[in-house]
Amino acid sequence: MKKIQLDKIPNFYLPVYEHLINILRKGACIFFGAGISKIAGYKLWEELKIKMVDHFWANKDRLGGEKKRKFDYSFCQNLKQHEHIIETFDYLYMLNSDLYICGIKSIFDSDKKKANDQIFKLLYKVNTGKSLYITTNIDKGFQDCAKIGDPNVSIYPFFSNPPKLISYIHGRIDYKKSWILNREKYIEAYSSDSSPCMEFLKQIFDNYSVIFFGYGLREEEIMIAMAKTNKKRQHYWIEPICRNKFDYLKIRSTSLKKNYNITLVPYSIDSLGHEAILKVIESLNKATKIEMEIDK
């Protein structure tokens, strides 16, 4: 991996980014995760886990009997610290599914009321009219901001070929049966080549170069789908970096490049924090538009 400039937003006018700009002009898959919605005001998974445990604690009287007795303060703290987020969601769902569903809905509804659409507006401008979007997020923030109607949207488990403008591969907040937030749903969505998400993502990775925004590439199921593709297309990972994370990303990006043909596009957060992604997308949009004008 080439030396990373820790103090700079990527200069997308440089030759090293020519292919990235070109695939955006021709049409790519823009894949965004929780890091994007976090900037808008929604919670990351770890934050959602903690808030859900608090929700159960505040409503523990609804558990009743032995479940209420065992759900004490110490147990809540252990749930918050449990490193496997999916297992925590599994436990809460099995403890009381109605309380679980109510909690997810109320947390996302609260976040929506405070949300800032700036990041969604910028991300929508990345599309030159030929790209599509995929998200693992279940909030509707991007769709509502872009004023995209449901006829142009697909929601797990119902995907289309060719893909819709937006695909919610892990469900959408207003369809509780579509949420992939626990292990049972992950198994349902990814366990075989013909499972809805696995089949859909293989199709995507075969036919599109994918640009990842606000997504850590940590979900094994999605990486397996990429590995199963017949074509090794060029993909890009737009990822924040700071001095303390340099070695980690150097190791990880080397592996991702070799095994999945994913190129790291790093940007520094040491000066601006995670809000730097706004300037990254602005810079990318400007470079793409200039290239399109030159092409005309």
Protein backbone atom coordinates (compact mmCIF):
# COMPACT_ATOMS: atom_id res chain seq x y z
CA MET A 1 0.00 0.00 0.00
CA LYS A 2 1.29 3.46 -0.85
CA LYS A 3 2.10 5.99 1.85
CA ILE A 4 -1.04 7.52 3.32
CA GLN A 5 -1.35 11.28 3.71
CA LEU A 6 -2.91 11.53 7.15
CA ASP A 7 -3.64 15.26 7.03
CA LYS A 8 -5.50 15.43 3.72
CA ILE A 9 -8.86 14.73 2.11
CA PRO A 10 -8.22 12.57 -1.00
CA ASN A 11 -7.41 14.60 -4.11
CA PHE A 12 -9.74 12.88 -6.57
CA TYR A 13 -8.19 14.78 -9.49
CA LEU A 14 -5.04 12.68 -9.22
CA PRO A 15 -4.45 9.87 -11.77
CA VAL A 16 -4.62 7.24 -9.02
CA TYR A 17 -8.36 7.93 -8.70
CA GLU A 18 -9.10 8.02 -12.43
CA HIS A 19 -10.72 4.58 -12.44
CA LEU A 20 -12.89 5.41 -9.41
CA ILE A 21 -14.18 8.58 -11.09
CA ASN A 22 -14.73 6.71 -14.34
CA ILE A 23 -16.87 3.97 -12.81
CA LEU A 24 -18.99 6.59 -11.04
CA ARG A 25 -19.59 8.30 -14.37
CA LYS A 26 -20.57 5.03 -16.02
CA GLY A 27 -22.60 3.67 -13.10
CA ALA A 28 -21.56 1.88 -9.93
CA CYS A 29 -23.08 0.39 -6.81
CA ILE A 30 -22.90 2.84 -3.91
CA PHE A 31 -22.96 0.74 -0.75
CA PHE A 32 -23.42 2.67 2.50
CA GLY A 33 -23.52 1.50 6.09
CA ALA A 34 -24.05 2.73 9.62
CA GLY A 35 -21.20 5.26 9.40
CA ILE A 36 -23.29 7.36 7.02
CA SER A 37 -26.47 7.27 9.10
CA LYS A 38 -24.36 8.00 12.21
CA ILE A 39 -23.34 11.37 10.73
CA ALA A 40 -27.04 12.07 10.12
CA GLY A 41 -27.84 11.34 13.77
CA TYR A 42 -28.77 7.66 13.87
CA LYS A 43 -27.07 5.17 16.18
CA LEU A 44 -24.25 2.80 15.40
CA TRP A 45 -24.87 -0.87 16.24
CA GLU A 46 -22.95 -0.67 19.51
CA GLU A 47 -24.94 2.40 20.53
CA LEU A 48 -28.19 0.74 19.52
CA LYS A 49 -27.32 -2.30 21.65
CA ILE A 50 -26.75 -0.15 24.74
CA LYS A 51 -29.92 1.87 24.13
CA MET A 52 -31.94 -1.32 23.74
CA VAL A 53 -30.67 -2.70 27.05
CA ASP A 54 -31.66 0.60 28.68
CA HIS A 55 -35.08 0.27 27.07
CA PHE A 56 -35.55 -3.19 28.57
CA TRP A 57 -34.35 -1.98 31.98
CA ALA A 58 -36.81 0.93 31.93
CA ASN A 59 -39.63 -1.47 31.01
CA LYS A 60 -38.58 -4.52 33.04
CA ASP A 61 -42.01 -4.69 34.70
CA ARG A 62 -43.31 -5.95 31.36
CA LEU A 63 -41.06 -9.00 31.64
CA GLY A 64 -42.88 -10.40 34.62
CA GLY A 65 -42.07 -13.15 37.10
CA GLU A 66 -38.75 -14.96 36.91
CA LYS A 67 -37.57 -13.03 33.85
CA LYS A 68 -37.95 -9.73 35.69
CA ARG A 69 -36.13 -11.06 38.76
CA LYS A 70 -33.12 -12.22 36.74
CA PHE A 71 -32.97 -9.05 34.68
CA ASP A 72 -31.17 -7.06 37.38
CA TYR A 73 -28.74 -4.14 37.10
CA SER A 74 -25.64 -6.33 36.98
CA PHE A 75 -27.08 -8.42 34.19
CA CYS A 76 -27.89 -5.27 32.20
CA GLN A 77 -24.31 -4.08 32.51
CA ASN A 78 -23.06 -7.46 31.28
CA LEU A 79 -25.41 -7.27 28.29
CA LYS A 80 -24.08 -3.83 27.41
CA GLN A 81 -20.50 -5.09 27.56
CA HIS A 82 -21.16 -8.32 25.68
CA GLU A 83 -18.87 -8.17 22.65
CA HIS A 84 -21.18 -10.01 20.25
CA ILE A 85 -23.87 -7.48 19.40
CA ILE A 86 -26.01 -9.98 17.50
CA GLU A 87 -26.07 -12.28 20.54
CA THR A 88 -27.28 -9.41 22.70
CA PHE A 89 -30.10 -8.70 20.25
CA ASP A 90 -30.88 -12.43 20.17
CA TYR A 91 -31.18 -12.52 23.94
CA LEU A 92 -33.40 -9.44 24.15
CA TYR A 93 -35.67 -10.70 21.39
CA MET A 94 -36.11 -14.08 23.09
CA LEU A 95 -36.71 -12.35 26.42
CA ASN A 96 -39.67 -10.38 25.07
CA SER A 97 -40.20 -9.98 21.33
CA ASP A 98 -42.91 -7.30 21.69
CA LEU A 99 -40.71 -5.18 23.94
CA TYR A 100 -37.82 -5.67 21.49
CA ILE A 101 -39.83 -4.49 18.48
CA CYS A 102 -41.22 -1.55 20.43
CA GLY A 103 -37.70 -0.56 21.49
CA ILE A 104 -36.22 -0.64 17.97
CA LYS A 105 -39.08 1.43 16.59
CA SER A 106 -39.01 4.02 19.38
CA ILE A 107 -35.22 4.49 19.17
CA PHE A 108 -35.26 5.00 15.40
CA ASP A 109 -38.28 7.29 15.64
CA SER A 110 -36.46 9.43 18.21
CA ASP A 111 -33.32 9.59 16.05
CA LYS A 112 -35.33 10.52 12.97
CA LYS A 113 -36.78 13.58 14.70
CA LYS A 114 -33.26 14.90 15.37
CA ALA A 115 -31.65 13.80 12.10
CA ASN A 116 -29.59 16.07 9.82
CA ASP A 117 -29.94 15.31 6.11
CA GLN A 118 -26.69 16.91 4.90
CA ILE A 119 -24.79 13.63 4.52
CA PHE A 120 -27.71 12.05 2.64
CA LYS A 121 -27.94 14.99 0.22
CA LEU A 122 -24.25 14.74 -0.58
CA LEU A 123 -24.41 10.98 -1.04
CA TYR A 124 -27.35 11.31 -3.41
CA LYS A 125 -25.31 13.69 -5.57
CA VAL A 126 -22.64 10.99 -6.00
CA ASN A 127 -25.05 9.31 -8.40
CA THR A 128 -24.66 10.66 -11.94
CA GLY A 129 -27.93 9.01 -12.90
CA LYS A 130 -26.53 5.58 -13.70
CA SER A 131 -25.67 4.20 -10.25
CA LEU A 132 -27.69 2.37 -7.63
CA TYR A 133 -27.62 2.23 -3.84
CA ILE A 134 -27.42 -0.62 -1.35
CA THR A 135 -27.58 -0.16 2.39
CA THR A 136 -27.37 -2.32 5.49
CA ASN A 137 -29.11 0.47 7.44
CA ILE A 138 -32.78 0.11 8.30
CA ASP A 139 -33.58 3.83 8.68
CA LYS A 140 -35.36 5.65 5.85
CA GLY A 141 -33.28 8.82 6.15
CA PHE A 142 -31.57 8.63 2.77
CA GLN A 143 -34.69 7.59 0.87
CA ASP A 144 -36.82 10.33 2.42
CA CYS A 145 -34.15 12.97 1.82
CA ALA A 146 -33.79 11.96 -1.84
CA LYS A 147 -37.60 11.74 -2.23
CA ILE A 148 -37.37 8.28 -3.78
CA GLY A 149 -40.71 6.48 -3.94
CA ASP A 150 -41.21 2.85 -3.00
CA PRO A 151 -41.63 1.68 -6.62
CA ASN A 152 -37.87 2.36 -6.94
CA VAL A 153 -37.02 0.48 -3.74
CA SER A 154 -36.53 -3.16 -2.77
CA ILE A 155 -36.58 -4.44 0.81
CA TYR A 156 -35.39 -7.79 2.15
CA PRO A 157 -36.36 -10.49 1.27
CA PHE A 158 -37.77 -9.23 -2.04
CA PHE A 159 -35.04 -8.10 -4.44
CA SER A 160 -35.21 -7.53 -8.18
CA ASN A 161 -33.04 -8.10 -11.22
CA PRO A 162 -32.08 -5.55 -12.45
CA PRO A 163 -31.75 -3.94 -9.01
CA LYS A 164 -33.95 -1.08 -7.88
CA LEU A 165 -32.46 2.35 -7.20
CA ILE A 166 -32.23 1.51 -3.47
CA SER A 167 -32.04 -1.95 -1.90
CA TYR A 168 -32.38 -2.38 1.86
CA ILE A 169 -30.59 -5.68 2.25
CA HIS A 170 -31.12 -5.87 6.03
CA GLY A 171 -34.66 -4.55 6.08
CA ARG A 172 -36.36 -1.21 6.64
CA ILE A 173 -37.67 0.22 9.90
CA ASP A 174 -41.34 0.28 8.85
CA TYR A 175 -41.36 -3.46 7.99
CA LYS A 176 -40.45 -5.31 11.19
CA LYS A 177 -40.46 -8.71 9.47
CA SER A 178 -37.67 -7.50 7.19
CA TRP A 179 -35.20 -6.59 9.96
CA ILE A 180 -31.98 -8.59 9.98
CA LEU A 181 -30.89 -7.80 13.52
CA ASN A 182 -30.48 -11.26 15.04
CA ARG A 183 -28.75 -14.52 14.16
CA GLU A 184 -31.87 -16.32 13.00
CA LYS A 185 -32.49 -13.66 10.36
CA TYR A 186 -28.83 -13.67 9.25
CA ILE A 187 -29.04 -17.43 8.71
CA GLU A 188 -32.27 -17.02 6.78
CA ALA A 189 -30.73 -14.33 4.56
CA TYR A 190 -27.26 -15.79 3.90
CA SER A 191 -27.06 -19.51 4.73
CA SER A 192 -27.10 -20.81 1.13
CA ASP A 193 -26.35 -19.56 -2.37
CA SER A 194 -30.08 -19.28 -3.01
CA SER A 195 -30.81 -17.31 0.19
CA PRO A 196 -32.18 -13.84 -0.66
CA CYS A 197 -29.22 -11.67 0.38
CA MET A 198 -26.53 -14.07 -0.77
CA GLU A 199 -28.10 -14.48 -4.21
CA PHE A 200 -28.71 -10.75 -4.60
CA LEU A 201 -25.22 -9.68 -3.50
CA LYS A 202 -23.50 -12.21 -5.77
CA GLN A 203 -25.43 -10.65 -8.64
CA ILE A 204 -24.35 -7.17 -7.55
CA PHE A 205 -20.66 -8.02 -7.16
CA ASP A 206 -20.67 -9.81 -10.50
CA ASN A 207 -22.14 -6.87 -12.39
CA TYR A 208 -21.03 -3.70 -10.63
CA SER A 209 -17.97 -2.10 -9.13
CA VAL A 210 -18.95 -1.30 -5.55
CA ILE A 211 -17.93 1.78 -3.58
CA PHE A 212 -18.30 1.41 0.19
CA PHE A 213 -19.10 4.45 2.32
CA GLY A 214 -19.44 4.33 6.11
CA TYR A 215 -19.17 0.56 6.13
CA GLY A 216 -16.48 -1.38 7.98
CA LEU A 217 -16.52 -4.55 5.82
CA ARG A 218 -16.77 -6.66 8.98
CA GLU A 219 -19.84 -8.74 8.19
CA GLU A 220 -18.53 -12.13 7.15
CA GLU A 221 -21.68 -13.00 5.23
CA ILE A 222 -21.24 -10.08 2.82
CA MET A 223 -17.57 -10.85 2.30
CA ILE A 224 -18.45 -14.47 1.49
CA ALA A 225 -20.93 -13.23 -1.13
CA MET A 226 -18.15 -11.18 -2.70
CA ALA A 227 -15.80 -14.16 -2.69
CA LYS A 228 -18.37 -16.29 -4.52
CA THR A 229 -18.55 -14.00 -7.56
CA ASN A 230 -17.25 -15.10 -10.94
CA LYS A 231 -15.76 -11.72 -11.84
CA LYS A 232 -13.17 -9.90 -9.75
CA ARG A 233 -14.31 -6.36 -10.38
CA GLN A 234 -12.49 -3.39 -8.90
CA HIS A 235 -14.13 -2.13 -5.69
CA TYR A 236 -13.33 0.83 -3.42
CA TRP A 237 -13.49 1.29 0.35
CA ILE A 238 -13.78 4.92 1.50
CA GLU A 239 -12.51 4.65 5.07
CA PRO A 240 -11.41 7.05 7.85
CA ILE A 241 -7.91 6.83 9.22
CA CYS A 242 -6.00 8.37 12.12
CA ARG A 243 -2.47 7.94 13.41
CA ASN A 244 -3.49 5.24 15.87
CA LYS A 245 -5.21 3.23 13.13
CA PHE A 246 -2.50 3.36 10.49
CA ASP A 247 -0.97 -0.10 10.98
CA TYR A 248 -4.36 -1.76 11.36
CA LEU A 249 -5.60 -0.37 8.05
CA LYS A 250 -2.32 -1.10 6.30
CA ILE A 251 -2.64 -4.78 7.24
CA ARG A 252 -6.35 -4.99 6.51
CA SER A 253 -6.29 -3.13 3.21
CA THR A 254 -3.51 -5.40 1.94
CA SER A 255 -5.66 -8.45 2.64
CA LEU A 256 -8.79 -6.89 1.14
CA LYS A 257 -6.93 -5.97 -2.04
CA LYS A 258 -5.47 -9.42 -2.50
CA ASN A 259 -8.59 -11.44 -1.71
CA TYR A 260 -11.45 -9.21 -2.92
CA ASN A 261 -9.84 -6.59 -5.20
CA ILE A 262 -10.93 -3.81 -2.83
CA THR A 263 -8.81 -0.66 -2.93
CA LEU A 264 -8.62 1.47 0.21
CA VAL A 265 -9.34 5.19 -0.23
CA PRO A 266 -8.29 6.65 3.15
CA TYR A 267 -9.12 10.05 4.59
CA SER A 268 -7.91 11.64 7.81
CA ILE A 269 -10.17 12.27 10.80
CA ASP A 270 -7.42 13.67 13.04
CA SER A 271 -8.41 17.30 12.38
CA LEU A 272 -12.13 17.18 11.61
CA GLY A 273 -13.27 13.96 13.24
CA HIS A 274 -15.74 11.70 11.47
CA GLU A 275 -17.44 14.75 9.95
CA ALA A 276 -14.55 14.70 7.44
CA ILE A 277 -16.62 12.28 5.35
CA LEU A 278 -18.73 15.28 4.30
CA LYS A 279 -15.72 16.94 2.69
CA VAL A 280 -14.63 13.65 1.13
CA ILE A 281 -17.98 13.22 -0.63
CA GLU A 282 -18.04 16.89 -1.65
CA SER A 283 -14.58 16.48 -3.20
CA LEU A 284 -15.63 13.29 -4.97
CA ASN A 285 -18.74 14.96 -6.37
CA LYS A 286 -16.76 17.92 -7.72
CA ALA A 287 -14.20 15.69 -9.41
CA THR A 288 -16.90 13.55 -11.00
CA LYS A 289 -18.81 16.55 -12.35
CA ILE A 290 -15.68 18.14 -13.79
CA GLU A 291 -14.74 14.91 -15.52
CA MET A 292 -18.24 14.70 -16.97
CA GLU A 293 -17.99 18.27 -18.30
CA ILE A 294 -14.64 17.51 -19.90
CA ASP A 295 -16.14 14.40 -21.49
CA LYS A 296 -18.87 16.50 -23.11
